[in-house]
Amino acid sequence: MHPTDGRARHVLEAISSRRAIRAFRPDPVPHAAIRQILDAAARAPSGSNIQPWQVVVVTGEALRLLGTELVRLSLSGEAGETEYAYYPRQWREPYLARRRKVGWALYGSLGIERGQTDRMARQHARNFCFFDAPVGLIFTLDRDMEQGSWLDLGMFVQNVMIAACGLGLDTCPQAAFCSYHQLISKRLSIPADRQIVMGMALGYADPRAPENNFETEREPVEQFARFIDTLHSNEGRNGPRVSDCPDAQIT
């Protein structure tokens, strides 16, 4: 496919325009659209095609009741307990600066200033009502799956977001739900042998909401990619040289 092909442009635009939306309109999402998104997302690659992902789609009264209960828990100060560490135990640069920058950008868009812990807590609690989206998704894996399946799930989740964008819908991926995995599993009848990995809000962005109008930055390609077209020998180091490797060609 040539880079200027119309299909390529559509995919690249969907990827580059995707943003985490934190305020949604109440407009319902057609059931057919949800199925179309999940059907497309299931084309994600997975090791040996095992397709380990599972998703619970929550809407209507179930979504309202679950969100109300989780928001109440969050505002009560009950932190919950996660089953896995999403972030590093000890922050360091450049990750700490990036985390702080996006956090204060979000709070700044809402007029929340440093020290306003109550307002910060209320904003965080909005995670648990899926930011008022009409659809909530809870993604799970079987507990005996290893790290490779987490990579597979990540590719599936990315497909969900891009497919949604292609249909004019918006999303917000959310790790916050892991804090209350026991309650969520009970309410949604998720078996004990499945682990909640994350959630996602799905719906139509509210363009009037200030928190939807700030954009996060991305590092330039030079900051995270290396391009190599020539291999050098390991002379002077332990281990075989390139020339010692079978079928190696030195150019």
Protein backbone atom coordinates (compact mmCIF):
# COMPACT_ATOMS: atom_id res chain seq x y z
CA MET A 1 0.00 0.00 0.00
CA HIS A 2 1.43 3.36 -0.99
CA PRO A 3 1.62 5.90 1.90
CA THR A 4 -0.72 8.26 0.01
CA ASP A 5 -3.39 5.62 -0.56
CA GLY A 6 -6.79 6.70 0.78
CA ARG A 7 -7.05 3.74 3.14
CA ALA A 8 -3.62 4.48 4.60
CA ARG A 9 -4.59 8.10 5.21
CA HIS A 10 -7.79 7.02 6.95
CA VAL A 11 -5.92 4.69 9.31
CA LEU A 12 -3.19 7.22 10.07
CA GLU A 13 -5.78 9.94 10.73
CA ALA A 14 -7.68 7.66 13.10
CA ILE A 15 -4.50 6.88 15.04
CA SER A 16 -3.30 10.48 15.22
CA SER A 17 -6.71 11.91 16.14
CA ARG A 18 -7.41 9.45 18.97
CA ARG A 19 -7.51 11.12 22.37
CA ALA A 20 -8.56 10.08 25.85
CA ILE A 21 -11.98 11.68 26.36
CA ARG A 22 -13.07 12.45 29.92
CA ALA A 23 -16.56 13.85 29.36
CA PHE A 24 -19.21 12.21 27.18
CA ARG A 25 -22.64 13.09 25.85
CA PRO A 26 -25.49 10.79 26.95
CA ASP A 27 -26.36 9.82 23.36
CA PRO A 28 -26.66 6.02 23.16
CA VAL A 29 -24.28 4.01 20.99
CA PRO A 30 -26.09 1.61 18.65
CA HIS A 31 -25.58 -2.02 19.60
CA ALA A 32 -24.61 -2.77 16.01
CA ALA A 33 -21.78 -0.23 16.24
CA ILE A 34 -20.42 -1.85 19.41
CA ARG A 35 -20.44 -5.25 17.74
CA GLN A 36 -18.78 -3.82 14.63
CA ILE A 37 -15.99 -2.32 16.76
CA LEU A 38 -15.37 -5.55 18.64
CA ASP A 39 -15.49 -7.62 15.48
CA ALA A 40 -12.82 -5.41 13.89
CA ALA A 41 -10.74 -5.34 17.08
CA ALA A 42 -10.68 -9.14 17.15
CA ARG A 43 -8.45 -9.02 14.07
CA ALA A 44 -5.63 -8.07 16.46
CA PRO A 45 -2.62 -10.38 16.31
CA SER A 46 -1.95 -12.83 19.11
CA GLY A 47 0.72 -15.45 19.70
CA SER A 48 -0.30 -18.68 17.92
CA ASN A 49 -3.69 -17.01 17.35
CA ILE A 50 -4.84 -17.91 20.87
CA GLN A 51 -6.95 -14.69 21.09
CA PRO A 52 -6.84 -14.47 24.90
CA TRP A 53 -8.87 -11.28 25.28
CA GLN A 54 -12.31 -11.10 26.88
CA VAL A 55 -14.51 -8.07 27.30
CA VAL A 56 -17.68 -7.30 29.24
CA VAL A 57 -19.89 -4.62 27.66
CA VAL A 58 -21.87 -2.68 30.28
CA THR A 59 -24.75 -0.37 29.37
CA GLY A 60 -28.08 0.93 30.65
CA GLU A 61 -29.16 0.41 34.24
CA ALA A 62 -26.24 -1.92 34.95
CA LEU A 63 -23.79 0.81 33.98
CA ARG A 64 -25.58 3.42 36.09
CA LEU A 65 -25.74 1.26 39.20
CA LEU A 66 -22.14 0.05 38.92
CA GLY A 67 -20.86 3.57 38.34
CA THR A 68 -22.80 4.98 41.28
CA GLU A 69 -21.42 2.34 43.62
CA LEU A 70 -17.83 2.75 42.44
CA VAL A 71 -17.92 6.55 42.61
CA ARG A 72 -19.26 6.36 46.15
CA LEU A 73 -16.43 4.01 47.13
CA SER A 74 -13.82 6.27 45.56
CA LEU A 75 -15.12 9.41 47.27
CA SER A 76 -15.29 7.60 50.61
CA GLY A 77 -11.52 7.31 50.52
CA GLU A 78 -11.51 3.53 50.16
CA ALA A 79 -8.55 3.12 47.84
CA GLY A 80 -9.16 -0.48 46.93
CA GLU A 81 -6.38 -2.88 45.99
CA THR A 82 -4.93 -3.57 42.58
CA GLU A 83 -3.73 -6.99 41.46
CA TYR A 84 -0.80 -5.77 39.41
CA ALA A 85 1.53 -2.77 39.34
CA TYR A 86 0.72 -0.52 36.41
CA TYR A 87 3.39 2.08 37.20
CA PRO A 88 6.98 1.69 38.43
CA ARG A 89 7.45 1.50 42.18
CA GLN A 90 9.99 4.32 42.05
CA TRP A 91 9.47 7.15 39.60
CA ARG A 92 12.44 8.58 37.68
CA GLU A 93 13.05 10.88 34.77
CA PRO A 94 11.96 11.36 32.09
CA TYR A 95 8.77 9.57 33.14
CA LEU A 96 8.12 11.58 36.29
CA ALA A 97 8.18 14.89 34.43
CA ARG A 98 5.85 13.57 31.73
CA ARG A 99 3.40 12.27 34.32
CA ARG A 100 3.36 15.56 36.19
CA LYS A 101 2.97 17.60 33.03
CA VAL A 102 -0.09 15.76 31.78
CA GLY A 103 -1.63 15.69 35.25
CA TRP A 104 -1.38 19.42 35.72
CA ALA A 105 -2.52 20.04 32.15
CA LEU A 106 -5.72 18.10 32.88
CA TYR A 107 -6.31 19.84 36.19
CA GLY A 108 -5.49 23.19 34.61
CA SER A 109 -8.14 22.69 31.94
CA LEU A 110 -10.66 22.25 34.76
CA GLY A 111 -9.39 25.18 36.81
CA ILE A 112 -8.14 22.87 39.56
CA GLU A 113 -5.16 24.35 41.36
CA ARG A 114 -2.43 22.78 43.48
CA GLY A 115 -3.69 21.91 46.93
CA GLN A 116 -7.33 21.51 45.89
CA THR A 117 -7.34 17.86 46.88
CA ASP A 118 -11.13 17.59 47.17
CA ARG A 119 -11.60 18.70 43.56
CA MET A 120 -8.83 16.35 42.44
CA ALA A 121 -10.54 13.46 44.23
CA ARG A 122 -13.89 14.27 42.60
CA GLN A 123 -12.29 14.37 39.17
CA HIS A 124 -10.54 11.05 39.79
CA ALA A 125 -13.84 9.52 40.94
CA ARG A 126 -15.36 10.33 37.55
CA ASN A 127 -13.30 7.46 36.17
CA PHE A 128 -15.68 5.07 37.88
CA CYS A 129 -18.80 6.29 36.11
CA PHE A 130 -16.91 5.98 32.82
CA PHE A 131 -16.98 9.78 32.57
CA ASP A 132 -20.74 9.53 31.89
CA ALA A 133 -20.21 7.52 28.69
CA PRO A 134 -23.19 5.36 27.65
CA VAL A 135 -20.97 2.28 27.26
CA GLY A 136 -18.40 0.82 29.63
CA LEU A 137 -16.00 -1.93 28.65
CA ILE A 138 -14.16 -4.16 31.13
CA PHE A 139 -11.26 -6.16 29.68
CA THR A 140 -10.11 -9.40 31.30
CA LEU A 141 -7.62 -12.22 30.81
CA ASP A 142 -7.52 -15.74 32.19
CA ARG A 143 -5.26 -15.68 35.23
CA ASP A 144 -2.98 -18.40 33.93
CA MET A 145 -2.04 -16.39 30.85
CA GLU A 146 1.53 -15.08 30.76
CA GLN A 147 3.04 -11.75 29.71
CA GLY A 148 2.66 -12.45 26.00
CA SER A 149 -1.12 -12.48 26.38
CA TRP A 150 -0.97 -9.05 28.01
CA LEU A 151 0.71 -7.81 24.83
CA ASP A 152 -2.04 -9.48 22.78
CA LEU A 153 -4.71 -7.78 24.88
CA GLY A 154 -2.99 -4.42 24.43
CA MET A 155 -3.17 -4.77 20.66
CA PHE A 156 -6.84 -5.74 20.90
CA VAL A 157 -7.57 -2.70 23.07
CA GLN A 158 -5.77 -0.39 20.64
CA ASN A 159 -7.87 -1.83 17.83
CA VAL A 160 -11.02 -1.07 19.83
CA MET A 161 -10.00 2.57 20.16
CA ILE A 162 -9.03 2.98 16.50
CA ALA A 163 -12.15 1.20 15.25
CA ALA A 164 -14.29 3.42 17.48
CA CYS A 165 -12.57 6.49 16.09
CA GLY A 166 -13.28 5.27 12.57
CA LEU A 167 -17.00 5.18 13.41
CA GLY A 168 -16.99 8.68 14.88
CA LEU A 169 -16.92 7.47 18.48
CA ASP A 170 -14.56 8.35 21.30
CA THR A 171 -12.91 6.38 24.08
CA CYS A 172 -10.91 6.65 27.27
CA PRO A 173 -8.73 3.70 28.33
CA GLN A 174 -8.80 3.36 32.13
CA ALA A 175 -6.64 1.35 34.51
CA ALA A 176 -8.48 2.81 37.52
CA PHE A 177 -11.05 0.00 37.60
CA CYS A 178 -8.41 -2.46 38.78
CA SER A 179 -8.61 -0.82 42.22
CA TYR A 180 -12.06 -2.30 42.77
CA HIS A 181 -11.66 -5.54 40.84
CA GLN A 182 -13.37 -7.65 43.51
CA LEU A 183 -16.57 -5.60 43.53
CA ILE A 184 -16.65 -5.31 39.74
CA SER A 185 -16.11 -9.04 39.32
CA LYS A 186 -18.98 -9.73 41.71
CA ARG A 187 -21.40 -7.29 40.11
CA LEU A 188 -20.62 -8.39 36.55
CA SER A 189 -20.34 -12.12 37.34
CA ILE A 190 -16.75 -12.29 36.13
CA PRO A 191 -15.34 -15.72 37.07
CA ALA A 192 -12.60 -15.92 39.70
CA ASP A 193 -10.18 -17.38 37.16
CA ARG A 194 -10.27 -14.17 35.14
CA GLN A 195 -8.33 -11.03 36.00
CA ILE A 196 -9.60 -7.52 35.31
CA VAL A 197 -6.87 -5.70 33.41
CA MET A 198 -8.55 -2.40 32.56
CA GLY A 199 -11.73 -0.63 31.56
CA MET A 200 -12.72 1.79 28.82
CA ALA A 201 -15.36 4.45 28.32
CA LEU A 202 -17.01 4.46 24.88
CA GLY A 203 -19.35 7.07 23.46
CA TYR A 204 -19.50 10.54 21.94
CA ALA A 205 -17.27 13.30 23.27
CA ASP A 206 -18.87 16.39 24.80
CA PRO A 207 -17.17 19.19 22.82
CA ARG A 208 -18.13 21.76 25.47
CA ALA A 209 -16.17 20.03 28.23
CA PRO A 210 -12.85 21.83 28.84
CA GLU A 211 -11.09 18.60 29.81
CA ASN A 212 -11.64 17.36 26.26
CA ASN A 213 -9.88 20.32 24.71
CA PHE A 214 -6.32 19.87 25.93
CA GLU A 215 -3.93 17.73 23.93
CA THR A 216 -1.10 15.62 25.28
CA GLU A 217 2.31 15.86 23.67
CA ARG A 218 4.33 13.04 22.12
CA GLU A 219 8.09 12.77 21.92
CA PRO A 220 9.63 13.04 18.43
CA VAL A 221 10.70 9.83 16.73
CA GLU A 222 14.36 10.63 17.40
CA GLN A 223 13.73 10.31 21.13
CA PHE A 224 12.54 6.69 21.07
CA ALA A 225 13.74 5.08 17.83
CA ARG A 226 17.12 4.00 16.47
CA PHE A 227 17.62 3.18 12.80
CA ILE A 228 20.38 0.65 12.06
CA ASP A 229 21.40 -0.55 8.62
CA THR A 230 24.94 -1.78 9.36
CA LEU A 231 26.07 -4.24 12.03
CA HIS A 232 29.51 -3.69 13.57
CA SER A 233 31.77 -6.42 14.93
CA ASN A 234 32.10 -6.94 18.68
CA GLU A 235 35.90 -6.80 18.55
CA GLY A 236 37.31 -6.14 21.97
CA ARG A 237 34.14 -7.34 23.73
CA ASN A 238 33.08 -10.67 25.08
CA GLY A 239 31.03 -12.84 22.77
CA PRO A 240 31.27 -13.77 19.11
CA ARG A 241 32.02 -11.21 16.47
CA VAL A 242 29.53 -10.68 13.66
CA SER A 243 32.00 -12.38 11.31
CA ASP A 244 31.95 -15.49 13.54
CA CYS A 245 28.21 -15.93 13.21
CA PRO A 246 26.93 -18.48 10.68
CA ASP A 247 25.82 -16.92 7.39
CA ALA A 248 26.99 -13.47 8.54
CA GLN A 249 27.87 -11.05 5.78
CA ILE A 250 30.09 -8.07 6.46
CA THR A 251 29.42 -5.09 4.22
